[in-house]
Amino acid sequence: MDCTKNTVLSLCTYYTNIKFWYFLHQYVYHRNKLPVVFSAYFDKNKTIHDHDTRQKQDFHTYSVHSEFGKRAIKYKGSNIWNDLPDDLKGIQSPCSFTGKLKEYFLQLS
């Protein structure tokens, strides 16, 4: 199926839809809007390393040793958020973020 402006969130594939929800979860986490239980769920690279790195603002990605671990939100969420362009990460409004994220997905397909 080809993505067009009319299919916006019936977006192309099941995988794309899941990825969209991962992005939304990470956005809400990044804005500190999740319940307290998630407050220390993801670590920024700047808290892991004692020196400055180019990715100090990215989430730290821990190594996993199984396919099951690669599907965990702690691993997958960090990876997909780190791959997101910086201009999208900086959007303050949740409505603007979802709109720009949909446009981003349409550009990728």
N, C-alpha and C. Protein backbone atom coordinates (compact mmCIF):
# COMPACT_ATOMS: atom_id res chain seq x y z
N MET A 1 0.84 -1.17 0.00
CA MET A 1 0.00 0.00 0.00
C MET A 1 0.89 1.23 0.00
N ASP A 2 0.52 2.22 -0.76
CA ASP A 2 1.30 3.44 -0.89
C ASP A 2 0.77 4.50 0.07
N CYS A 3 1.65 5.19 0.75
CA CYS A 3 1.22 6.24 1.67
C CYS A 3 0.85 7.49 0.90
N THR A 4 -0.28 8.07 1.21
CA THR A 4 -0.69 9.35 0.66
C THR A 4 -1.19 10.20 1.81
N LYS A 5 -1.46 11.46 1.53
CA LYS A 5 -1.96 12.36 2.58
C LYS A 5 -3.29 11.86 3.16
N ASN A 6 -4.07 11.10 2.39
CA ASN A 6 -5.38 10.64 2.86
C ASN A 6 -5.29 9.47 3.82
N THR A 7 -4.16 8.79 3.85
CA THR A 7 -4.05 7.60 4.69
C THR A 7 -3.32 7.86 5.99
N VAL A 8 -3.18 9.13 6.34
CA VAL A 8 -2.21 9.56 7.33
C VAL A 8 -2.01 8.60 8.49
N LEU A 9 -3.00 8.27 9.33
CA LEU A 9 -2.64 7.34 10.40
C LEU A 9 -3.27 5.98 10.26
N SER A 10 -3.80 5.69 9.12
CA SER A 10 -3.99 4.30 8.84
C SER A 10 -2.69 3.92 8.15
N LEU A 11 -1.66 4.70 8.43
CA LEU A 11 -0.33 4.61 7.83
C LEU A 11 0.03 3.22 7.34
N CYS A 12 0.58 3.21 6.21
CA CYS A 12 1.03 2.06 5.44
C CYS A 12 1.02 0.68 6.08
N THR A 13 1.73 0.50 7.12
CA THR A 13 1.87 -0.85 7.66
C THR A 13 1.66 -0.87 9.16
N TYR A 14 1.41 -2.02 9.64
CA TYR A 14 1.28 -2.23 11.08
C TYR A 14 2.56 -1.78 11.78
N TYR A 15 3.70 -2.12 11.21
CA TYR A 15 4.99 -1.76 11.80
C TYR A 15 5.11 -0.24 11.93
N THR A 16 4.71 0.49 10.91
CA THR A 16 4.80 1.94 10.95
C THR A 16 3.90 2.50 12.04
N ASN A 17 2.73 1.91 12.20
CA ASN A 17 1.81 2.35 13.24
C ASN A 17 2.40 2.12 14.63
N ILE A 18 3.01 0.97 14.84
CA ILE A 18 3.66 0.67 16.13
C ILE A 18 4.80 1.66 16.37
N LYS A 19 5.59 1.90 15.33
CA LYS A 19 6.71 2.83 15.46
C LYS A 19 6.20 4.23 15.83
N PHE A 20 5.08 4.63 15.24
CA PHE A 20 4.48 5.92 15.56
C PHE A 20 4.17 6.01 17.06
N TRP A 21 3.61 4.95 17.64
CA TRP A 21 3.28 4.95 19.08
C TRP A 21 4.54 4.94 19.95
N TYR A 22 5.60 4.29 19.47
CA TYR A 22 6.88 4.37 20.19
C TYR A 22 7.36 5.82 20.24
N PHE A 23 7.28 6.50 19.09
CA PHE A 23 7.69 7.90 19.05
C PHE A 23 6.86 8.75 20.01
N LEU A 24 5.55 8.54 20.04
CA LEU A 24 4.70 9.31 20.94
C LEU A 24 5.05 9.04 22.40
N HIS A 25 5.33 7.78 22.71
CA HIS A 25 5.73 7.45 24.08
C HIS A 25 7.01 8.18 24.45
N GLN A 26 7.98 8.16 23.56
CA GLN A 26 9.25 8.82 23.84
C GLN A 26 9.07 10.33 23.95
N TYR A 27 8.20 10.89 23.12
CA TYR A 27 7.95 12.33 23.18
C TYR A 27 7.37 12.71 24.55
N VAL A 28 6.38 11.95 24.99
CA VAL A 28 5.75 12.22 26.28
C VAL A 28 6.77 12.03 27.41
N TYR A 29 7.62 11.02 27.29
CA TYR A 29 8.67 10.82 28.29
C TYR A 29 9.63 12.00 28.30
N HIS A 30 10.05 12.40 27.11
CA HIS A 30 11.01 13.50 26.95
C HIS A 30 10.47 14.79 27.57
N ARG A 31 9.18 14.98 27.53
CA ARG A 31 8.53 16.16 28.10
C ARG A 31 8.14 15.97 29.57
N ASN A 32 8.56 14.87 30.18
CA ASN A 32 8.27 14.56 31.59
C ASN A 32 6.78 14.53 31.89
N LYS A 33 6.00 13.92 31.01
CA LYS A 33 4.55 13.86 31.18
C LYS A 33 4.05 12.45 31.48
N LEU A 34 4.95 11.49 31.66
CA LEU A 34 4.55 10.13 32.00
C LEU A 34 4.44 9.99 33.52
N PRO A 35 3.77 8.95 33.98
CA PRO A 35 3.69 8.72 35.44
C PRO A 35 5.09 8.58 36.06
N VAL A 36 5.17 8.81 37.34
CA VAL A 36 6.43 8.81 38.08
C VAL A 36 7.21 7.51 37.91
N VAL A 37 6.52 6.40 37.74
CA VAL A 37 7.20 5.11 37.61
C VAL A 37 8.19 5.11 36.43
N PHE A 38 7.96 5.95 35.44
CA PHE A 38 8.85 6.02 34.28
C PHE A 38 9.95 7.07 34.43
N SER A 39 10.00 7.77 35.54
CA SER A 39 10.89 8.92 35.66
C SER A 39 12.36 8.59 35.44
N ALA A 40 12.79 7.41 35.78
CA ALA A 40 14.20 7.04 35.58
C ALA A 40 14.33 5.84 34.63
N TYR A 41 13.37 5.69 33.75
CA TYR A 41 13.36 4.51 32.88
C TYR A 41 14.40 4.59 31.78
N PHE A 42 14.64 5.78 31.26
CA PHE A 42 15.63 5.98 30.20
C PHE A 42 16.73 6.88 30.73
N ASP A 43 17.96 6.61 30.33
CA ASP A 43 19.10 7.41 30.74
C ASP A 43 19.63 8.19 29.56
N LYS A 44 19.99 9.44 29.80
CA LYS A 44 20.66 10.23 28.77
C LYS A 44 22.14 9.85 28.76
N ASN A 45 22.77 9.94 27.61
CA ASN A 45 24.19 9.61 27.51
C ASN A 45 25.04 10.48 28.43
N LYS A 46 24.61 11.72 28.66
CA LYS A 46 25.42 12.60 29.51
C LYS A 46 25.49 12.11 30.95
N THR A 47 24.53 11.26 31.39
CA THR A 47 24.60 10.72 32.74
C THR A 47 25.44 9.44 32.80
N ILE A 48 25.71 8.85 31.65
CA ILE A 48 26.49 7.61 31.57
C ILE A 48 27.99 7.90 31.44
N HIS A 49 28.32 8.89 30.61
CA HIS A 49 29.72 9.20 30.31
C HIS A 49 30.21 10.38 31.15
N ASP A 50 31.47 10.31 31.55
CA ASP A 50 32.07 11.39 32.33
C ASP A 50 32.63 12.50 31.45
N HIS A 51 32.56 12.32 30.14
CA HIS A 51 33.11 13.30 29.21
C HIS A 51 32.02 13.69 28.20
N ASP A 52 32.24 14.82 27.52
CA ASP A 52 31.27 15.26 26.51
C ASP A 52 31.34 14.36 25.29
N THR A 53 30.18 14.03 24.76
CA THR A 53 30.10 13.29 23.51
C THR A 53 29.13 14.02 22.59
N ARG A 54 29.19 13.72 21.29
CA ARG A 54 28.26 14.36 20.36
C ARG A 54 26.82 13.92 20.61
N GLN A 55 26.64 12.77 21.19
CA GLN A 55 25.30 12.24 21.45
C GLN A 55 24.89 12.39 22.91
N LYS A 56 25.43 13.39 23.60
CA LYS A 56 25.15 13.51 25.04
C LYS A 56 23.67 13.77 25.33
N GLN A 57 22.92 14.33 24.39
CA GLN A 57 21.50 14.58 24.61
C GLN A 57 20.62 13.39 24.20
N ASP A 58 21.21 12.39 23.55
CA ASP A 58 20.46 11.19 23.15
C ASP A 58 20.26 10.26 24.34
N PHE A 59 19.27 9.38 24.21
CA PHE A 59 19.07 8.36 25.23
C PHE A 59 20.13 7.27 25.07
N HIS A 60 20.61 6.78 26.17
CA HIS A 60 21.60 5.70 26.14
C HIS A 60 20.93 4.41 25.68
N THR A 61 21.60 3.70 24.79
CA THR A 61 21.09 2.43 24.29
C THR A 61 21.90 1.31 24.91
N TYR A 62 21.25 0.51 25.71
CA TYR A 62 21.91 -0.63 26.33
C TYR A 62 21.97 -1.80 25.36
N SER A 63 22.99 -2.62 25.48
CA SER A 63 23.08 -3.79 24.60
C SER A 63 22.09 -4.86 25.06
N VAL A 64 21.52 -5.54 24.08
CA VAL A 64 20.60 -6.64 24.38
C VAL A 64 21.14 -7.89 23.70
N HIS A 65 20.73 -9.03 24.21
CA HIS A 65 21.29 -10.28 23.71
C HIS A 65 20.24 -11.22 23.14
N SER A 66 19.06 -10.70 22.89
CA SER A 66 18.01 -11.56 22.32
C SER A 66 17.07 -10.72 21.48
N GLU A 67 16.31 -11.38 20.64
CA GLU A 67 15.30 -10.69 19.83
C GLU A 67 14.21 -10.11 20.73
N PHE A 68 13.91 -10.79 21.80
CA PHE A 68 12.91 -10.29 22.75
C PHE A 68 13.36 -8.96 23.35
N GLY A 69 14.63 -8.88 23.70
CA GLY A 69 15.18 -7.65 24.26
C GLY A 69 15.14 -6.49 23.28
N LYS A 70 15.28 -6.79 21.98
CA LYS A 70 15.24 -5.75 20.95
C LYS A 70 13.85 -5.16 20.79
N ARG A 71 12.83 -5.86 21.26
CA ARG A 71 11.46 -5.36 21.15
C ARG A 71 11.02 -4.60 22.40
N ALA A 72 11.83 -4.60 23.44
CA ALA A 72 11.47 -3.92 24.68
C ALA A 72 11.47 -2.41 24.47
N ILE A 73 10.54 -1.72 25.13
CA ILE A 73 10.43 -0.27 24.98
C ILE A 73 11.70 0.44 25.42
N LYS A 74 12.41 -0.10 26.39
CA LYS A 74 13.63 0.55 26.88
C LYS A 74 14.71 0.57 25.79
N TYR A 75 14.77 -0.47 24.97
CA TYR A 75 15.74 -0.55 23.89
C TYR A 75 15.20 0.16 22.64
N LYS A 76 14.02 -0.25 22.20
CA LYS A 76 13.46 0.26 20.95
C LYS A 76 13.14 1.74 21.05
N GLY A 77 12.57 2.15 22.18
CA GLY A 77 12.24 3.56 22.36
C GLY A 77 13.46 4.46 22.28
N SER A 78 14.54 4.04 22.91
CA SER A 78 15.78 4.82 22.86
C SER A 78 16.31 4.91 21.44
N ASN A 79 16.31 3.79 20.74
CA ASN A 79 16.85 3.78 19.37
C ASN A 79 16.05 4.67 18.43
N ILE A 80 14.73 4.54 18.45
CA ILE A 80 13.97 5.32 17.48
C ILE A 80 13.98 6.81 17.82
N TRP A 81 14.00 7.16 19.11
CA TRP A 81 14.07 8.58 19.48
C TRP A 81 15.41 9.17 19.04
N ASN A 82 16.48 8.42 19.21
CA ASN A 82 17.80 8.90 18.82
C ASN A 82 17.90 9.10 17.30
N ASP A 83 17.14 8.33 16.54
CA ASP A 83 17.16 8.44 15.07
C ASP A 83 16.30 9.59 14.55
N LEU A 84 15.46 10.15 15.40
CA LEU A 84 14.57 11.22 14.99
C LEU A 84 15.38 12.51 14.76
N PRO A 85 15.06 13.25 13.70
CA PRO A 85 15.77 14.52 13.46
C PRO A 85 15.60 15.49 14.64
N ASP A 86 16.62 16.28 14.91
CA ASP A 86 16.61 17.18 16.05
C ASP A 86 15.49 18.21 16.00
N ASP A 87 15.10 18.66 14.80
CA ASP A 87 14.03 19.65 14.72
C ASP A 87 12.70 19.08 15.22
N LEU A 88 12.48 17.78 15.04
CA LEU A 88 11.26 17.16 15.56
C LEU A 88 11.35 16.96 17.07
N LYS A 89 12.52 16.64 17.57
CA LYS A 89 12.69 16.44 19.02
C LYS A 89 12.42 17.71 19.80
N GLY A 90 12.64 18.85 19.19
CA GLY A 90 12.50 20.13 19.88
C GLY A 90 11.09 20.71 19.87
N ILE A 91 10.15 20.08 19.20
CA ILE A 91 8.79 20.61 19.12
C ILE A 91 8.13 20.53 20.50
N GLN A 92 7.56 21.65 20.94
CA GLN A 92 6.97 21.73 22.28
C GLN A 92 5.52 21.24 22.33
N SER A 93 4.74 21.53 21.33
CA SER A 93 3.32 21.20 21.33
C SER A 93 3.08 19.75 20.90
N PRO A 94 2.34 18.98 21.69
CA PRO A 94 2.04 17.59 21.30
C PRO A 94 1.29 17.50 19.97
N CYS A 95 0.37 18.43 19.72
CA CYS A 95 -0.37 18.41 18.45
C CYS A 95 0.56 18.67 17.27
N SER A 96 1.46 19.64 17.42
CA SER A 96 2.43 19.92 16.37
C SER A 96 3.35 18.73 16.16
N PHE A 97 3.76 18.10 17.26
CA PHE A 97 4.65 16.96 17.15
C PHE A 97 4.00 15.82 16.36
N THR A 98 2.75 15.49 16.68
CA THR A 98 2.10 14.38 15.96
C THR A 98 1.92 14.73 14.49
N GLY A 99 1.58 15.97 14.18
CA GLY A 99 1.44 16.38 12.78
C GLY A 99 2.75 16.28 12.02
N LYS A 100 3.81 16.80 12.62
CA LYS A 100 5.14 16.75 11.98
C LYS A 100 5.65 15.31 11.88
N LEU A 101 5.32 14.50 12.87
CA LEU A 101 5.74 13.10 12.84
C LEU A 101 5.05 12.37 11.69
N LYS A 102 3.78 12.64 11.48
CA LYS A 102 3.06 12.04 10.36
C LYS A 102 3.68 12.46 9.03
N GLU A 103 4.01 13.74 8.91
CA GLU A 103 4.67 14.22 7.70
C GLU A 103 6.02 13.53 7.50
N TYR A 104 6.75 13.35 8.59
CA TYR A 104 8.05 12.67 8.55
C TYR A 104 7.90 11.24 8.03
N PHE A 105 6.87 10.52 8.53
CA PHE A 105 6.62 9.16 8.07
C PHE A 105 6.26 9.14 6.59
N LEU A 106 5.48 10.10 6.14
CA LEU A 106 5.10 10.16 4.73
C LEU A 106 6.31 10.42 3.85
N GLN A 107 7.25 11.24 4.33
CA GLN A 107 8.47 11.49 3.58
C GLN A 107 9.35 10.25 3.48
N LEU A 108 9.33 9.42 4.53
CA LEU A 108 10.17 8.22 4.53
C LEU A 108 9.66 7.16 3.56
N SER A 109 8.35 7.15 3.32
CA SER A 109 7.82 6.08 2.45
C SER A 109 7.84 6.46 1.00
